[in-house]
């Protein structure tokens, strides 16, 4: 699932993000969403989130929508 719509991303979702310094290479980092940083309902480069380990990046792929479900 694409990470361009805010409604698709929930706190606790398992996602793949691209960090600012990895945008050119496209290297993705996996993690659990702790905080959603983008306020708009969608963003063409992906919704910006903070992962539980403190990593900030834009969501490129949603692996599991919500781990609690």
N, C-alpha and C. Protein backbone atom coordinates (compact mmCIF):
# COMPACT_ATOMS: atom_id res chain seq x y z
N UNK A 1 0.85 -1.18 0.00
CA UNK A 1 0.00 0.00 0.00
C UNK A 1 0.89 1.24 0.00
N UNK A 2 0.48 2.23 -0.76
CA UNK A 2 1.24 3.47 -0.89
C UNK A 2 1.12 4.33 0.37
N UNK A 3 2.16 5.10 0.65
CA UNK A 3 2.18 5.96 1.83
C UNK A 3 1.89 7.41 1.54
N UNK A 4 1.15 7.70 0.45
CA UNK A 4 0.89 9.09 0.09
C UNK A 4 -0.37 9.67 0.72
N UNK A 5 -1.23 8.83 1.31
CA UNK A 5 -2.46 9.30 1.95
C UNK A 5 -2.35 9.13 3.46
N UNK A 6 -2.58 10.22 4.18
CA UNK A 6 -2.47 10.23 5.64
C UNK A 6 -3.44 9.25 6.29
N UNK A 7 -4.64 9.10 5.70
CA UNK A 7 -5.66 8.22 6.29
C UNK A 7 -5.23 6.75 6.31
N UNK A 8 -4.26 6.36 5.47
CA UNK A 8 -3.80 4.97 5.43
C UNK A 8 -2.77 4.65 6.52
N UNK A 9 -2.23 5.69 7.15
CA UNK A 9 -1.14 5.50 8.12
C UNK A 9 -1.66 5.75 9.53
N UNK A 10 -1.43 4.80 10.40
CA UNK A 10 -1.86 4.91 11.80
C UNK A 10 -0.64 4.76 12.71
N UNK A 11 -0.73 5.30 13.92
CA UNK A 11 0.30 5.07 14.92
C UNK A 11 0.37 3.56 15.16
N UNK A 12 1.55 3.00 15.12
CA UNK A 12 1.71 1.57 15.30
C UNK A 12 1.79 0.79 14.00
N UNK A 13 1.60 1.47 12.86
CA UNK A 13 1.73 0.80 11.56
C UNK A 13 3.18 0.45 11.30
N UNK A 14 3.41 -0.69 10.64
CA UNK A 14 4.76 -1.08 10.22
C UNK A 14 4.94 -0.58 8.79
N UNK A 15 5.97 0.25 8.57
CA UNK A 15 6.15 0.92 7.28
C UNK A 15 7.61 0.88 6.82
N UNK A 16 7.79 1.21 5.55
CA UNK A 16 9.11 1.42 4.97
C UNK A 16 9.20 2.90 4.63
N UNK A 17 10.24 3.58 5.14
CA UNK A 17 10.41 5.01 4.88
C UNK A 17 11.74 5.26 4.18
N UNK A 18 11.80 6.39 3.47
CA UNK A 18 13.06 6.85 2.91
C UNK A 18 13.47 8.10 3.69
N UNK A 19 14.68 8.09 4.22
CA UNK A 19 15.19 9.24 4.95
C UNK A 19 15.72 10.27 3.96
N UNK A 20 15.78 11.53 4.38
CA UNK A 20 16.22 12.63 3.52
C UNK A 20 17.55 12.33 2.84
N UNK A 21 18.52 11.83 3.60
CA UNK A 21 19.85 11.58 3.04
C UNK A 21 19.88 10.39 2.09
N UNK A 22 18.82 9.58 2.07
CA UNK A 22 18.76 8.40 1.21
C UNK A 22 17.81 8.56 0.03
N UNK A 23 17.31 9.79 -0.20
CA UNK A 23 16.34 9.99 -1.28
C UNK A 23 16.92 9.65 -2.65
N UNK A 24 18.17 10.01 -2.90
CA UNK A 24 18.77 9.72 -4.20
C UNK A 24 18.98 8.23 -4.42
N UNK A 25 19.45 7.53 -3.39
CA UNK A 25 19.72 6.10 -3.51
C UNK A 25 18.44 5.28 -3.40
N UNK A 26 17.43 5.82 -2.71
CA UNK A 26 16.18 5.10 -2.54
C UNK A 26 16.22 4.05 -1.45
N UNK A 27 17.28 4.07 -0.62
CA UNK A 27 17.41 3.09 0.47
C UNK A 27 16.26 3.27 1.46
N UNK A 28 15.58 2.17 1.77
CA UNK A 28 14.43 2.22 2.66
C UNK A 28 14.78 1.69 4.05
N UNK A 29 14.10 2.24 5.05
CA UNK A 29 14.28 1.83 6.44
C UNK A 29 12.93 1.35 6.95
N UNK A 30 12.92 0.20 7.61
CA UNK A 30 11.68 -0.36 8.15
C UNK A 30 11.52 0.05 9.60
N UNK A 31 10.27 0.30 10.01
CA UNK A 31 10.03 0.64 11.40
C UNK A 31 8.56 0.78 11.72
N UNK A 32 8.29 1.11 12.97
CA UNK A 32 6.92 1.27 13.49
C UNK A 32 6.67 2.77 13.69
N UNK A 33 5.53 3.26 13.19
CA UNK A 33 5.18 4.68 13.28
C UNK A 33 4.89 5.06 14.72
N UNK A 34 5.62 6.10 15.19
CA UNK A 34 5.37 6.64 16.53
C UNK A 34 4.57 7.93 16.42
N UNK A 35 4.83 8.72 15.37
CA UNK A 35 4.22 10.03 15.23
C UNK A 35 4.07 10.36 13.75
N UNK A 36 2.93 10.94 13.36
CA UNK A 36 2.71 11.39 11.99
C UNK A 36 3.01 12.88 11.95
N UNK A 37 3.97 13.29 11.12
CA UNK A 37 4.44 14.67 11.10
C UNK A 37 3.77 15.53 10.03
N UNK A 38 3.32 14.93 8.93
CA UNK A 38 2.65 15.68 7.86
C UNK A 38 1.22 15.98 8.29
N UNK A 39 0.83 17.25 8.18
CA UNK A 39 -0.52 17.66 8.58
C UNK A 39 -1.54 17.51 7.46
N UNK A 40 -1.11 17.63 6.19
CA UNK A 40 -2.05 17.57 5.07
C UNK A 40 -2.54 16.14 4.87
N UNK A 41 -3.67 15.99 4.18
CA UNK A 41 -4.29 14.67 4.00
C UNK A 41 -3.53 13.78 3.02
N UNK A 42 -2.75 14.39 2.12
CA UNK A 42 -1.90 13.59 1.24
C UNK A 42 -0.67 14.39 0.83
N UNK A 43 0.35 13.67 0.39
CA UNK A 43 1.60 14.29 -0.05
C UNK A 43 2.20 13.38 -1.11
N UNK A 44 2.51 13.94 -2.28
CA UNK A 44 2.94 13.12 -3.42
C UNK A 44 4.26 12.39 -3.21
N UNK A 45 5.10 12.84 -2.28
CA UNK A 45 6.37 12.14 -1.99
C UNK A 45 6.23 11.17 -0.81
N UNK A 46 5.08 11.16 -0.17
CA UNK A 46 4.86 10.29 0.99
C UNK A 46 4.67 11.10 2.26
N UNK A 47 3.88 10.57 3.17
CA UNK A 47 3.61 11.23 4.44
C UNK A 47 4.85 11.11 5.33
N UNK A 48 5.24 12.23 5.93
CA UNK A 48 6.43 12.24 6.80
C UNK A 48 6.04 11.74 8.19
N UNK A 49 6.82 10.78 8.69
CA UNK A 49 6.55 10.18 10.01
C UNK A 49 7.84 10.08 10.81
N UNK A 50 7.67 9.90 12.12
CA UNK A 50 8.79 9.55 13.00
C UNK A 50 8.56 8.12 13.46
N UNK A 51 9.59 7.31 13.33
CA UNK A 51 9.51 5.92 13.76
C UNK A 51 9.86 5.82 15.24
N UNK A 52 9.57 4.68 15.85
CA UNK A 52 9.82 4.49 17.29
C UNK A 52 11.29 4.67 17.67
N UNK A 53 12.21 4.40 16.73
CA UNK A 53 13.64 4.57 17.02
C UNK A 53 14.13 5.99 16.78
N UNK A 54 13.20 6.92 16.42
CA UNK A 54 13.56 8.32 16.21
C UNK A 54 13.85 8.68 14.77
N UNK A 55 13.89 7.71 13.88
CA UNK A 55 14.13 7.96 12.46
C UNK A 55 12.96 8.75 11.87
N UNK A 56 13.28 9.79 11.08
CA UNK A 56 12.25 10.57 10.39
C UNK A 56 12.40 10.33 8.90
N UNK A 57 11.28 10.07 8.24
CA UNK A 57 11.31 9.85 6.80
C UNK A 57 9.93 9.86 6.21
N UNK A 58 9.87 9.75 4.88
CA UNK A 58 8.59 9.73 4.17
C UNK A 58 8.21 8.28 3.87
N UNK A 59 6.95 7.95 4.13
CA UNK A 59 6.46 6.58 3.94
C UNK A 59 6.39 6.27 2.45
N UNK A 60 7.07 5.20 2.06
CA UNK A 60 7.02 4.72 0.68
C UNK A 60 6.13 3.50 0.56
N UNK A 61 6.02 2.74 1.65
CA UNK A 61 5.21 1.52 1.62
C UNK A 61 4.70 1.21 3.01
N UNK A 62 3.44 0.78 3.07
CA UNK A 62 2.85 0.34 4.34
C UNK A 62 2.87 -1.18 4.33
N UNK A 63 3.56 -1.77 5.29
CA UNK A 63 3.67 -3.23 5.36
C UNK A 63 2.46 -3.80 6.10
N UNK A 64 2.23 -3.33 7.32
CA UNK A 64 1.07 -3.73 8.13
C UNK A 64 0.40 -2.46 8.59
N UNK A 65 -0.88 -2.29 8.23
CA UNK A 65 -1.58 -1.05 8.53
C UNK A 65 -1.59 -0.72 10.01
N UNK A 66 -1.88 -1.73 10.86
CA UNK A 66 -1.87 -1.49 12.30
C UNK A 66 -1.55 -2.80 12.99
N UNK A 67 -0.50 -2.81 13.77
CA UNK A 67 -0.07 -4.03 14.45
C UNK A 67 -1.06 -4.51 15.49
N UNK A 68 -1.92 -3.61 15.98
CA UNK A 68 -2.89 -3.96 17.01
C UNK A 68 -4.08 -4.73 16.46
N UNK A 69 -4.29 -4.66 15.13
CA UNK A 69 -5.46 -5.31 14.51
C UNK A 69 -5.18 -6.78 14.27
